Amino acid sequence: MKDIAIHIKDISKKFDEVIALNQISIEIKRGELFGLIGPDGAGKTTLFKILTTLLKPDSGQAFLENLDVTKEISNVRESIGYMPGKFSLYQDLTIFENLSFFATAFGTTIEENYHLIKDIYTQIEPFKNRKAGALSGGMKQKLALCCALIHKPKVLLLDEPTTGVDAVSRKEFWQMLNNIKSQGITIFVSTPYMDEASMCERIALIQNGTILSIETPQNVAASFPLQLFEIKANNKYDLINHLRKWEKSTYCYAFGEYIHWASTDNNISDETIKNYLTEANFNSIVVNKTNATVEDTFMYLMQQSS
């Protein structure tokens, strides 16, 4: 596993009768930016807690930089940087005090690894004497990332790091991750936001503790097996219900101002769809062929597995 930073093999975990993870297997290359994409409750946080040694799996194995997460706990913790979904730094300490604490805890200094956090820290350094509890969501995010990086980890594990922050902060955060990746650090990030999938080199789609697909975002989107249409008309609510009742319908979900729809008949024409909707008294009808997104493929795979 010379080129593999994270090796997850057949990991399973149950909580009472709830299956949180069902034989999860993923390999992440060294220096890769890899995304775990899925909704709340899909099993993302459970997997990250296992990788960070906070939980033990019921079965299976996981290795980070060839270290067994169940047997080499201290070494694993020294090798990783972890940013949980919920802000977990010391709210009554300042920005500088939090960063100093984490550097000291890992036996290093801010100065020694400042080059790793410089681009991020300079954005919050003017407020270094402000207590963490008084920071905005975006500033908390930057501080947490600095604290996760300050000991120069080999692997960075980020569990839903952009949840609860504004769109601008989300965009900035992904730009920061690309800069971190350029320094050779492996990044494994989970997110419920399908639009963030395109920021990753490869992604795994997860639902109900099961991996649905592992591929590049482009290949995931391209794997959608049907001709997809974007459809809109005067009454969106009635439109989606009417399309779902049609015997020719096999895929139908709201997607922004449009409905993304696909048929059991892959040769169906735009005109056939328009005529069907016109006969039902819809107006202002727009029907166009369109390319599938990662979200379309995820919804389709989830539909097939249910």
C-alpha atoms as a PDB file:
ATOM      1  CA  MET A   1       0.000   0.000   0.000  1.00  0.00           C
ATOM      2  CA  LYS A   2       2.920   2.302  -0.797  1.00  0.00           C
ATOM      3  CA  ASP A   3       0.816   4.947  -2.550  1.00  0.00           C
ATOM      4  CA  ILE A   4      -2.299   4.576  -0.361  1.00  0.00           C
ATOM      5  CA  ALA A   5      -2.792   7.032   2.517  1.00  0.00           C
ATOM      6  CA  ILE A   6      -6.148   5.676   3.735  1.00  0.00           C
ATOM      7  CA  HIS A   7      -7.163   2.039   3.338  1.00  0.00           C
ATOM      8  CA  ILE A   8     -10.654   1.114   4.540  1.00  0.00           C
ATOM      9  CA  LYS A   9     -11.676  -2.520   4.119  1.00  0.00           C
ATOM     10  CA  ASP A  10     -15.123  -3.962   4.913  1.00  0.00           C
ATOM     11  CA  ILE A  11     -15.795  -1.632   7.851  1.00  0.00           C
ATOM     12  CA  SER A  12     -19.171  -2.224   9.520  1.00  0.00           C
ATOM     13  CA  LYS A  13     -20.755  -0.574  12.556  1.00  0.00           C
ATOM     14  CA  LYS A  14     -24.138  -0.988  14.258  1.00  0.00           C
ATOM     15  CA  PHE A  15     -25.833   0.995  17.000  1.00  0.00           C
ATOM     16  CA  ASP A  16     -28.364  -1.385  18.545  1.00  0.00           C
ATOM     17  CA  GLU A  17     -30.359  -2.479  15.489  1.00  0.00           C
ATOM     18  CA  VAL A  18     -29.365   0.463  13.296  1.00  0.00           C
ATOM     19  CA  ILE A  19     -26.711  -0.335  10.685  1.00  0.00           C
ATOM     20  CA  ALA A  20     -24.581   2.817  10.467  1.00  0.00           C
ATOM     21  CA  LEU A  21     -21.928   1.359   8.151  1.00  0.00           C
ATOM     22  CA  ASN A  22     -22.293  -1.726   5.984  1.00  0.00           C
ATOM     23  CA  GLN A  23     -18.988  -3.204   4.752  1.00  0.00           C
ATOM     24  CA  ILE A  24     -17.445   0.083   3.647  1.00  0.00           C
ATOM     25  CA  SER A  25     -14.313  -0.209   1.489  1.00  0.00           C
ATOM     26  CA  ILE A  26     -12.390   2.833   0.194  1.00  0.00           C
ATOM     27  CA  GLU A  27      -8.792   3.464  -0.855  1.00  0.00           C
ATOM     28  CA  ILE A  28      -7.486   7.050  -0.929  1.00  0.00           C
ATOM     29  CA  LYS A  29      -4.165   7.860  -2.578  1.00  0.00           C
ATOM     30  CA  ARG A  30      -1.458   9.927  -0.940  1.00  0.00           C
ATOM     31  CA  GLY A  31      -1.907  13.610  -1.744  1.00  0.00           C
ATOM     32  CA  GLU A  32      -5.470  13.114  -2.978  1.00  0.00           C
ATOM     33  CA  LEU A  33      -8.450  15.352  -2.216  1.00  0.00           C
ATOM     34  CA  PHE A  34     -11.223  12.799  -1.723  1.00  0.00           C
ATOM     35  CA  GLY A  35     -14.858  13.521  -0.879  1.00  0.00           C
ATOM     36  CA  LEU A  36     -17.449  11.453   0.948  1.00  0.00           C
ATOM     37  CA  ILE A  37     -20.806  12.719  -0.301  1.00  0.00           C
ATOM     38  CA  GLY A  38     -24.150  11.927   1.293  1.00  0.00           C
ATOM     39  CA  PRO A  39     -27.073  13.329   3.278  1.00  0.00           C
ATOM     40  CA  ASP A  40     -27.376  13.565   7.063  1.00  0.00           C
ATOM     41  CA  GLY A  41     -27.617  10.115   8.616  1.00  0.00           C
ATOM     42  CA  ALA A  42     -25.794   8.381   5.750  1.00  0.00           C
ATOM     43  CA  GLY A  43     -22.901   7.222   7.975  1.00  0.00           C
ATOM     44  CA  LYS A  44     -20.266   9.871   7.225  1.00  0.00           C
ATOM     45  CA  THR A  45     -19.569  10.945  10.814  1.00  0.00           C
ATOM     46  CA  THR A  46     -19.480   7.340  12.062  1.00  0.00           C
ATOM     47  CA  LEU A  47     -16.796   6.510   9.513  1.00  0.00           C
ATOM     48  CA  PHE A  48     -14.763   9.599  10.456  1.00  0.00           C
ATOM     49  CA  LYS A  49     -14.996   8.745  14.155  1.00  0.00           C
ATOM     50  CA  ILE A  50     -13.588   5.300  13.380  1.00  0.00           C
ATOM     51  CA  LEU A  51     -10.743   6.782  11.319  1.00  0.00           C
ATOM     52  CA  THR A  52      -9.898   9.222  14.120  1.00  0.00           C
ATOM     53  CA  THR A  53      -9.874   6.381  16.722  1.00  0.00           C
ATOM     54  CA  LEU A  54     -12.941   7.728  18.551  1.00  0.00           C
ATOM     55  CA  LEU A  55     -15.006   4.634  17.716  1.00  0.00           C
ATOM     56  CA  LYS A  56     -14.141   1.002  17.096  1.00  0.00           C
ATOM     57  CA  PRO A  57     -15.723  -0.808  14.153  1.00  0.00           C
ATOM     58  CA  ASP A  58     -17.684  -4.006  14.713  1.00  0.00           C
ATOM     59  CA  SER A  59     -15.764  -5.622  11.854  1.00  0.00           C
ATOM     60  CA  GLY A  60     -13.323  -4.730   9.110  1.00  0.00           C
ATOM     61  CA  GLN A  61     -10.048  -2.818   9.142  1.00  0.00           C
ATOM     62  CA  ALA A  62      -8.868   0.736   8.520  1.00  0.00           C
ATOM     63  CA  PHE A  63      -5.322   2.007   8.069  1.00  0.00           C
ATOM     64  CA  LEU A  64      -4.040   5.594   7.902  1.00  0.00           C
ATOM     65  CA  GLU A  65      -0.493   5.798   6.550  1.00  0.00           C
ATOM     66  CA  ASN A  66      -0.228   2.039   7.223  1.00  0.00           C
ATOM     67  CA  LEU A  67      -1.217   2.537  10.866  1.00  0.00           C
ATOM     68  CA  ASP A  68      -4.068   0.385  12.186  1.00  0.00           C
ATOM     69  CA  VAL A  69      -6.697   2.741  13.655  1.00  0.00           C
ATOM     70  CA  THR A  70      -7.730   0.174  16.285  1.00  0.00           C
ATOM     71  CA  LYS A  71      -4.234  -0.928  17.389  1.00  0.00           C
ATOM     72  CA  GLU A  72      -1.906   2.052  16.873  1.00  0.00           C
ATOM     73  CA  ILE A  73      -4.102   4.779  18.310  1.00  0.00           C
ATOM     74  CA  SER A  74      -1.408   7.167  19.567  1.00  0.00           C
ATOM     75  CA  ASN A  75       0.522   7.048  16.291  1.00  0.00           C
ATOM     76  CA  VAL A  76      -2.651   7.545  14.266  1.00  0.00           C
ATOM     77  CA  ARG A  77      -3.605  10.620  16.291  1.00  0.00           C
ATOM     78  CA  GLU A  78      -0.166  12.142  15.749  1.00  0.00           C
ATOM     79  CA  SER A  79      -0.462  11.586  11.987  1.00  0.00           C
ATOM     80  CA  ILE A  80      -3.864  13.176  11.420  1.00  0.00           C
ATOM     81  CA  GLY A  81      -5.500  16.570  11.611  1.00  0.00           C
ATOM     82  CA  TYR A  82      -9.203  16.375  12.451  1.00  0.00           C
ATOM     83  CA  MET A  83     -11.898  18.978  12.061  1.00  0.00           C
ATOM     84  CA  PRO A  84     -15.315  17.740  13.289  1.00  0.00           C
ATOM     85  CA  GLY A  85     -18.553  19.115  11.926  1.00  0.00           C
ATOM     86  CA  LYS A  86     -19.386  20.891  15.173  1.00  0.00           C
ATOM     87  CA  PHE A  87     -16.992  23.652  16.289  1.00  0.00           C
ATOM     88  CA  SER A  88     -15.129  22.058  19.189  1.00  0.00           C
ATOM     89  CA  LEU A  89     -12.335  24.449  20.103  1.00  0.00           C
ATOM     90  CA  TYR A  90     -12.151  26.264  23.429  1.00  0.00           C
ATOM     91  CA  GLN A  91     -14.734  29.040  23.216  1.00  0.00           C
ATOM     92  CA  ASP A  92     -13.297  30.992  26.169  1.00  0.00           C
ATOM     93  CA  LEU A  93      -9.782  31.070  24.703  1.00  0.00           C
ATOM     94  CA  THR A  94      -8.698  33.566  22.058  1.00  0.00           C
ATOM     95  CA  ILE A  95      -7.713  32.678  18.506  1.00  0.00           C
ATOM     96  CA  PHE A  96      -4.023  32.837  19.417  1.00  0.00           C
ATOM     97  CA  GLU A  97      -4.477  30.882  22.658  1.00  0.00           C
ATOM     98  CA  ASN A  98      -6.322  28.073  20.878  1.00  0.00           C
ATOM     99  CA  LEU A  99      -3.660  27.796  18.212  1.00  0.00           C
ATOM    100  CA  SER A 100      -0.837  27.905  20.780  1.00  0.00           C
ATOM    101  CA  PHE A 101      -2.538  25.194  22.840  1.00  0.00           C
ATOM    102  CA  PHE A 102      -2.834  22.770  19.913  1.00  0.00           C
ATOM    103  CA  ALA A 103       0.735  23.430  18.788  1.00  0.00           C
ATOM    104  CA  THR A 104       2.022  22.733  22.324  1.00  0.00           C
ATOM    105  CA  ALA A 105      -0.152  19.607  22.675  1.00  0.00           C
ATOM    106  CA  PHE A 106       1.563  18.119  19.618  1.00  0.00           C
ATOM    107  CA  GLY A 107       5.033  19.151  20.709  1.00  0.00           C
ATOM    108  CA  THR A 108       5.553  21.871  18.127  1.00  0.00           C
ATOM    109  CA  THR A 109       5.253  25.640  17.819  1.00  0.00           C
ATOM    110  CA  ILE A 110       3.264  28.031  15.659  1.00  0.00           C
ATOM    111  CA  GLU A 111       6.530  29.314  14.168  1.00  0.00           C
ATOM    112  CA  GLU A 112       7.779  25.852  13.148  1.00  0.00           C
ATOM    113  CA  ASN A 113       4.805  25.093  10.891  1.00  0.00           C
ATOM    114  CA  TYR A 114       3.589  28.604  10.174  1.00  0.00           C
ATOM    115  CA  HIS A 115       4.086  28.066   6.433  1.00  0.00           C
ATOM    116  CA  LEU A 116       1.253  25.498   6.510  1.00  0.00           C
ATOM    117  CA  ILE A 117      -1.307  27.906   7.937  1.00  0.00           C
ATOM    118  CA  LYS A 118       0.001  31.276   6.764  1.00  0.00           C
ATOM    119  CA  ASP A 119      -2.582  31.827   3.976  1.00  0.00           C
ATOM    120  CA  ILE A 120      -5.435  30.962   6.341  1.00  0.00           C
ATOM    121  CA  TYR A 121      -4.145  32.492   9.583  1.00  0.00           C
ATOM    122  CA  THR A 122      -3.365  35.900   8.063  1.00  0.00           C
ATOM    123  CA  GLN A 123      -7.105  36.295   7.447  1.00  0.00           C
ATOM    124  CA  ILE A 124      -7.940  35.951  11.146  1.00  0.00           C
ATOM    125  CA  GLU A 125      -4.697  37.216  12.713  1.00  0.00           C
ATOM    126  CA  PRO A 126      -6.028  40.813  13.094  1.00  0.00           C
ATOM    127  CA  PHE A 127      -8.548  39.306  15.544  1.00  0.00           C
ATOM    128  CA  LYS A 128      -6.106  36.983  17.323  1.00  0.00           C
ATOM    129  CA  ASN A 129      -7.083  38.342  20.763  1.00  0.00           C
ATOM    130  CA  ARG A 130     -10.808  37.740  20.191  1.00  0.00           C
ATOM    131  CA  LYS A 131     -12.320  34.783  22.021  1.00  0.00           C
ATOM    132  CA  ALA A 132     -13.284  31.864  19.782  1.00  0.00           C
ATOM    133  CA  GLY A 133     -16.873  31.900  21.033  1.00  0.00           C
ATOM    134  CA  ALA A 134     -17.331  35.416  19.628  1.00  0.00           C
ATOM    135  CA  LEU A 135     -16.194  34.537  16.090  1.00  0.00           C
ATOM    136  CA  SER A 136     -18.408  34.300  13.007  1.00  0.00           C
ATOM    137  CA  GLY A 137     -19.000  30.905  11.381  1.00  0.00           C
ATOM    138  CA  GLY A 138     -16.425  31.538   8.675  1.00  0.00           C
ATOM    139  CA  MET A 139     -13.756  32.673  11.153  1.00  0.00           C
ATOM    140  CA  LYS A 140     -14.402  29.651  13.397  1.00  0.00           C
ATOM    141  CA  GLN A 141     -13.947  27.468  10.346  1.00  0.00           C
ATOM    142  CA  LYS A 142     -10.572  29.056   9.530  1.00  0.00           C
ATOM    143  CA  LEU A 143      -9.386  28.781  13.143  1.00  0.00           C
ATOM    144  CA  ALA A 144     -10.395  25.116  13.349  1.00  0.00           C
ATOM    145  CA  LEU A 145      -8.529  24.389  10.127  1.00  0.00           C
ATOM    146  CA  CYS A 146      -5.414  26.140  11.442  1.00  0.00           C
ATOM    147  CA  CYS A 147      -5.542  24.088  14.654  1.00  0.00           C
ATOM    148  CA  ALA A 148      -5.923  20.869  12.630  1.00  0.00           C
ATOM    149  CA  LEU A 149      -2.863  21.744  10.513  1.00  0.00           C
ATOM    150  CA  ILE A 150      -0.463  23.232  13.038  1.00  0.00           C
ATOM    151  CA  HIS A 151       1.331  19.935  13.804  1.00  0.00           C
ATOM    152  CA  LYS A 152       1.870  19.164  10.076  1.00  0.00           C
ATOM    153  CA  PRO A 153      -0.365  16.084   9.760  1.00  0.00           C
ATOM    154  CA  LYS A 154       0.043  13.585   6.928  1.00  0.00           C
ATOM    155  CA  VAL A 155      -3.728  13.181   6.600  1.00  0.00           C
ATOM    156  CA  LEU A 156      -6.415  15.826   7.107  1.00  0.00           C
ATOM    157  CA  LEU A 157      -9.884  14.530   8.029  1.00  0.00           C
ATOM    158  CA  LEU A 158     -12.687  17.078   7.694  1.00  0.00           C
ATOM    159  CA  ASP A 159     -16.191  16.030   8.707  1.00  0.00           C
ATOM    160  CA  GLU A 160     -18.776  18.345   7.082  1.00  0.00           C
ATOM    161  CA  PRO A 161     -16.524  21.405   7.548  1.00  0.00           C
ATOM    162  CA  THR A 162     -18.735  23.800   5.553  1.00  0.00           C
ATOM    163  CA  THR A 163     -22.051  23.056   7.267  1.00  0.00           C
ATOM    164  CA  GLY A 164     -23.624  26.215   8.655  1.00  0.00           C
ATOM    165  CA  VAL A 165     -21.366  28.723   6.903  1.00  0.00           C
ATOM    166  CA  ASP A 166     -22.333  31.128   4.144  1.00  0.00           C
ATOM    167  CA  ALA A 167     -21.754  30.491   0.433  1.00  0.00           C
ATOM    168  CA  VAL A 168     -18.767  32.854   0.211  1.00  0.00           C
ATOM    169  CA  SER A 169     -17.030  31.155   3.155  1.00  0.00           C
ATOM    170  CA  ARG A 170     -17.712  27.757   1.590  1.00  0.00           C
ATOM    171  CA  LYS A 171     -16.038  28.824  -1.648  1.00  0.00           C
ATOM    172  CA  GLU A 172     -13.058  30.281   0.218  1.00  0.00           C
ATOM    173  CA  PHE A 173     -12.723  27.090   2.248  1.00  0.00           C
ATOM    174  CA  TRP A 174     -12.392  24.883  -0.832  1.00  0.00           C
ATOM    175  CA  GLN A 175      -9.785  27.228  -2.255  1.00  0.00           C
ATOM    176  CA  MET A 176      -7.855  26.803   0.996  1.00  0.00           C
ATOM    177  CA  LEU A 177      -8.094  23.007   0.709  1.00  0.00           C
ATOM    178  CA  ASN A 178      -6.557  23.092  -2.760  1.00  0.00           C
ATOM    179  CA  ASN A 179      -3.666  25.136  -1.382  1.00  0.00           C
ATOM    180  CA  ILE A 180      -3.201  22.625   1.444  1.00  0.00           C
ATOM    181  CA  LYS A 181      -3.286  19.721  -1.015  1.00  0.00           C
ATOM    182  CA  SER A 182      -0.480  21.338  -3.021  1.00  0.00           C
ATOM    183  CA  GLN A 183       1.729  20.828   0.060  1.00  0.00           C
ATOM    184  CA  GLY A 184       1.338  17.054  -0.208  1.00  0.00           C
ATOM    185  CA  ILE A 185      -1.233  16.529   2.541  1.00  0.00           C
ATOM    186  CA  THR A 186      -3.926  13.911   1.891  1.00  0.00           C
ATOM    187  CA  ILE A 187      -7.410  15.341   2.457  1.00  0.00           C
ATOM    188  CA  PHE A 188     -10.530  13.281   3.175  1.00  0.00           C
ATOM    189  CA  VAL A 189     -13.590  15.517   3.470  1.00  0.00           C
ATOM    190  CA  SER A 190     -17.260  14.697   3.965  1.00  0.00           C
ATOM    191  CA  THR A 191     -20.134  16.932   2.900  1.00  0.00           C
ATOM    192  CA  PRO A 192     -23.904  16.797   2.378  1.00  0.00           C
ATOM    193  CA  TYR A 193     -23.606  19.426  -0.381  1.00  0.00           C
ATOM    194  CA  MET A 194     -23.684  17.793  -3.800  1.00  0.00           C
ATOM    195  CA  ASP A 195     -22.271  20.916  -5.481  1.00  0.00           C
ATOM    196  CA  GLU A 196     -19.060  20.479  -3.486  1.00  0.00           C
ATOM    197  CA  ALA A 197     -18.436  17.090  -5.110  1.00  0.00           C
ATOM    198  CA  SER A 198     -16.926  18.790  -8.158  1.00  0.00           C
ATOM    199  CA  MET A 199     -14.186  20.262  -5.934  1.00  0.00           C
ATOM    200  CA  CYS A 200     -12.786  16.776  -5.226  1.00  0.00           C
ATOM    201  CA  GLU A 201     -10.547  14.586  -7.363  1.00  0.00           C
ATOM    202  CA  ARG A 202     -12.610  11.502  -6.542  1.00  0.00           C
ATOM    203  CA  ILE A 203     -15.766  10.966  -4.519  1.00  0.00           C
ATOM    204  CA  ALA A 204     -17.651   8.184  -2.792  1.00  0.00           C
ATOM    205  CA  LEU A 205     -21.431   8.432  -2.681  1.00  0.00           C
ATOM    206  CA  ILE A 206     -22.839   7.033   0.571  1.00  0.00           C
ATOM    207  CA  GLN A 207     -26.418   6.384   1.684  1.00  0.00           C
ATOM    208  CA  ASN A 208     -27.731   4.316   4.614  1.00  0.00           C
ATOM    209  CA  GLY A 209     -24.198   3.206   5.452  1.00  0.00           C
ATOM    210  CA  THR A 210     -23.575   1.768   1.996  1.00  0.00           C
ATOM    211  CA  ILE A 211     -21.233   3.027  -0.729  1.00  0.00           C
ATOM    212  CA  LEU A 212     -23.184   3.553  -3.964  1.00  0.00           C
ATOM    213  CA  SER A 213     -20.306   4.617  -6.206  1.00  0.00           C
ATOM    214  CA  ILE A 214     -16.629   5.614  -6.134  1.00  0.00           C
ATOM    215  CA  GLU A 215     -15.377   7.617  -9.092  1.00  0.00           C
ATOM    216  CA  THR A 216     -14.310  11.049 -10.271  1.00  0.00           C
ATOM    217  CA  PRO A 217     -17.159  13.583 -10.087  1.00  0.00           C
ATOM    218  CA  GLN A 218     -17.198  13.774 -13.886  1.00  0.00           C
ATOM    219  CA  ASN A 219     -17.499   9.989 -14.277  1.00  0.00           C
ATOM    220  CA  VAL A 220     -20.181   9.777 -11.592  1.00  0.00           C
ATOM    221  CA  ALA A 221     -22.292  12.336 -13.459  1.00  0.00           C
ATOM    222  CA  ALA A 222     -21.605  10.655 -16.816  1.00  0.00           C
ATOM    223  CA  SER A 223     -22.736   7.276 -15.459  1.00  0.00           C
ATOM    224  CA  PHE A 224     -26.380   8.411 -15.298  1.00  0.00           C
ATOM    225  CA  PRO A 225     -27.926   5.762 -17.597  1.00  0.00           C
ATOM    226  CA  LEU A 226     -30.952   7.633 -18.989  1.00  0.00           C
ATOM    227  CA  GLN A 227     -31.666  10.554 -21.280  1.00  0.00           C
ATOM    228  CA  LEU A 228     -32.348  13.414 -18.895  1.00  0.00           C
ATOM    229  CA  PHE A 229     -34.698  16.339 -19.536  1.00  0.00           C
ATOM    230  CA  GLU A 230     -35.144  19.617 -17.710  1.00  0.00           C
ATOM    231  CA  ILE A 231     -38.804  20.614 -17.678  1.00  0.00           C
ATOM    232  CA  LYS A 232     -40.669  23.607 -16.379  1.00  0.00           C
ATOM    233  CA  ALA A 233     -44.226  24.926 -16.651  1.00  0.00           C
ATOM    234  CA  ASN A 234     -46.575  27.348 -14.933  1.00  0.00           C
ATOM    235  CA  ASN A 235     -47.277  25.276 -11.798  1.00  0.00           C
ATOM    236  CA  LYS A 236     -44.220  23.468 -10.483  1.00  0.00           C
ATOM    237  CA  TYR A 237     -45.991  21.547  -7.725  1.00  0.00           C
ATOM    238  CA  ASP A 238     -48.685  20.176 -10.039  1.00  0.00           C
ATOM    239  CA  LEU A 239     -46.089  19.585 -12.745  1.00  0.00           C
ATOM    240  CA  ILE A 240     -43.926  17.261 -10.654  1.00  0.00           C
ATOM    241  CA  ASN A 241     -46.953  15.320  -9.398  1.00  0.00           C
ATOM    242  CA  HIS A 242     -48.348  14.949 -12.928  1.00  0.00           C
ATOM    243  CA  LEU A 243     -45.014  13.783 -14.339  1.00  0.00           C
ATOM    244  CA  ARG A 244     -44.557  11.224 -11.566  1.00  0.00           C
ATOM    245  CA  LYS A 245     -47.959   9.700 -12.337  1.00  0.00           C
ATOM    246  CA  TRP A 246     -47.089   9.232 -16.014  1.00  0.00           C
ATOM    247  CA  GLU A 247     -46.448   5.582 -16.901  1.00  0.00           C
ATOM    248  CA  LYS A 248     -43.444   6.685 -18.963  1.00  0.00           C
ATOM    249  CA  SER A 249     -41.784   8.283 -15.935  1.00  0.00           C
ATOM    250  CA  THR A 250     -38.894   6.564 -14.156  1.00  0.00           C
ATOM    251  CA  TYR A 251     -36.978   9.495 -12.625  1.00  0.00           C
ATOM    252  CA  CYS A 252     -38.475  12.813 -11.511  1.00  0.00           C
ATOM    253  CA  TYR A 253     -37.056  15.320  -9.018  1.00  0.00           C
ATOM    254  CA  ALA A 254     -37.143  19.070  -8.480  1.00  0.00           C
ATOM    255  CA  PHE A 255     -33.904  20.747  -9.472  1.00  0.00           C
ATOM    256  CA  GLY A 256     -33.874  24.513  -8.992  1.00  0.00           C
ATOM    257  CA  GLU A 257     -36.531  26.110 -11.187  1.00  0.00           C
ATOM    258  CA  TYR A 258     -36.757  22.958 -13.322  1.00  0.00           C
ATOM    259  CA  ILE A 259     -37.848  19.361 -12.907  1.00  0.00           C
ATOM    260  CA  HIS A 260     -35.204  16.809 -13.882  1.00  0.00           C
ATOM    261  CA  TRP A 261     -37.070  13.953 -15.545  1.00  0.00           C
ATOM    262  CA  ALA A 262     -36.225  10.738 -17.375  1.00  0.00           C
ATOM    263  CA  SER A 263     -38.385   8.145 -19.078  1.00  0.00           C
ATOM    264  CA  THR A 264     -38.617   4.389 -19.286  1.00  0.00           C
ATOM    265  CA  ASP A 265     -38.404   5.079 -23.032  1.00  0.00           C
ATOM    266  CA  ASN A 266     -34.907   6.446 -23.661  1.00  0.00           C
ATOM    267  CA  ASN A 267     -35.934   7.521 -27.180  1.00  0.00           C
ATOM    268  CA  ILE A 268     -38.812   9.731 -26.052  1.00  0.00           C
ATOM    269  CA  SER A 269     -38.865  13.123 -27.787  1.00  0.00           C
ATOM    270  CA  ASP A 270     -39.252  16.666 -26.487  1.00  0.00           C
ATOM    271  CA  GLU A 271     -42.485  16.952 -28.484  1.00  0.00           C
ATOM    272  CA  THR A 272     -44.048  13.900 -26.833  1.00  0.00           C
ATOM    273  CA  ILE A 273     -43.403  15.413 -23.402  1.00  0.00           C
ATOM    274  CA  LYS A 274     -44.753  18.819 -24.443  1.00  0.00           C
ATOM    275  CA  ASN A 275     -47.901  17.259 -25.926  1.00  0.00           C
ATOM    276  CA  TYR A 276     -48.504  15.263 -22.741  1.00  0.00           C
ATOM    277  CA  LEU A 277     -48.271  18.405 -20.609  1.00  0.00           C
ATOM    278  CA  THR A 278     -50.311  20.534 -23.018  1.00  0.00           C
ATOM    279  CA  GLU A 279     -53.149  17.992 -22.898  1.00  0.00           C
ATOM    280  CA  ALA A 280     -53.089  18.371 -19.095  1.00  0.00           C
ATOM    281  CA  ASN A 281     -53.591  22.154 -19.490  1.00  0.00           C
ATOM    282  CA  PHE A 282     -50.094  23.220 -18.455  1.00  0.00           C
ATOM    283  CA  ASN A 283     -48.715  26.316 -20.170  1.00  0.00           C
ATOM    284  CA  SER A 284     -45.366  28.153 -20.461  1.00  0.00           C
ATOM    285  CA  ILE A 285     -43.881  24.698 -21.029  1.00  0.00           C
ATOM    286  CA  VAL A 286     -40.121  24.357 -21.489  1.00  0.00           C
ATOM    287  CA  VAL A 287     -38.538  20.986 -22.277  1.00  0.00           C
ATOM    288  CA  ASN A 288     -34.810  20.589 -22.975  1.00  0.00           C
ATOM    289  CA  LYS A 289     -32.387  17.705 -22.978  1.00  0.00           C
ATOM    290  CA  THR A 290     -29.741  18.231 -20.304  1.00  0.00           C
ATOM    291  CA  ASN A 291     -26.664  16.587 -18.811  1.00  0.00           C
ATOM    292  CA  ALA A 292     -26.896  14.792 -15.499  1.00  0.00           C
ATOM    293  CA  THR A 293     -25.135  16.089 -12.386  1.00  0.00           C
ATOM    294  CA  VAL A 294     -23.596  14.177  -9.481  1.00  0.00           C
ATOM    295  CA  GLU A 295     -26.828  14.843  -7.604  1.00  0.00           C
ATOM    296  CA  ASP A 296     -28.888  13.241 -10.397  1.00  0.00           C
ATOM    297  CA  THR A 297     -26.731  10.120 -10.299  1.00  0.00           C
ATOM    298  CA  PHE A 298     -26.892   9.990  -6.501  1.00  0.00           C
ATOM    299  CA  MET A 299     -30.691  10.282  -6.512  1.00  0.00           C
ATOM    300  CA  TYR A 300     -30.982   7.633  -9.224  1.00  0.00           C
ATOM    301  CA  LEU A 301     -28.691   5.174  -7.399  1.00  0.00           C
ATOM    302  CA  MET A 302     -30.526   5.801  -4.134  1.00  0.00           C
ATOM    303  CA  GLN A 303     -33.845   5.185  -5.903  1.00  0.00           C
ATOM    304  CA  GLN A 304     -32.528   1.901  -7.369  1.00  0.00           C
ATOM    305  CA  SER A 305     -31.203   0.655  -4.032  1.00  0.00           C
ATOM    306  CA  SER A 306     -34.369   1.368  -2.045  1.00  0.00           C
END
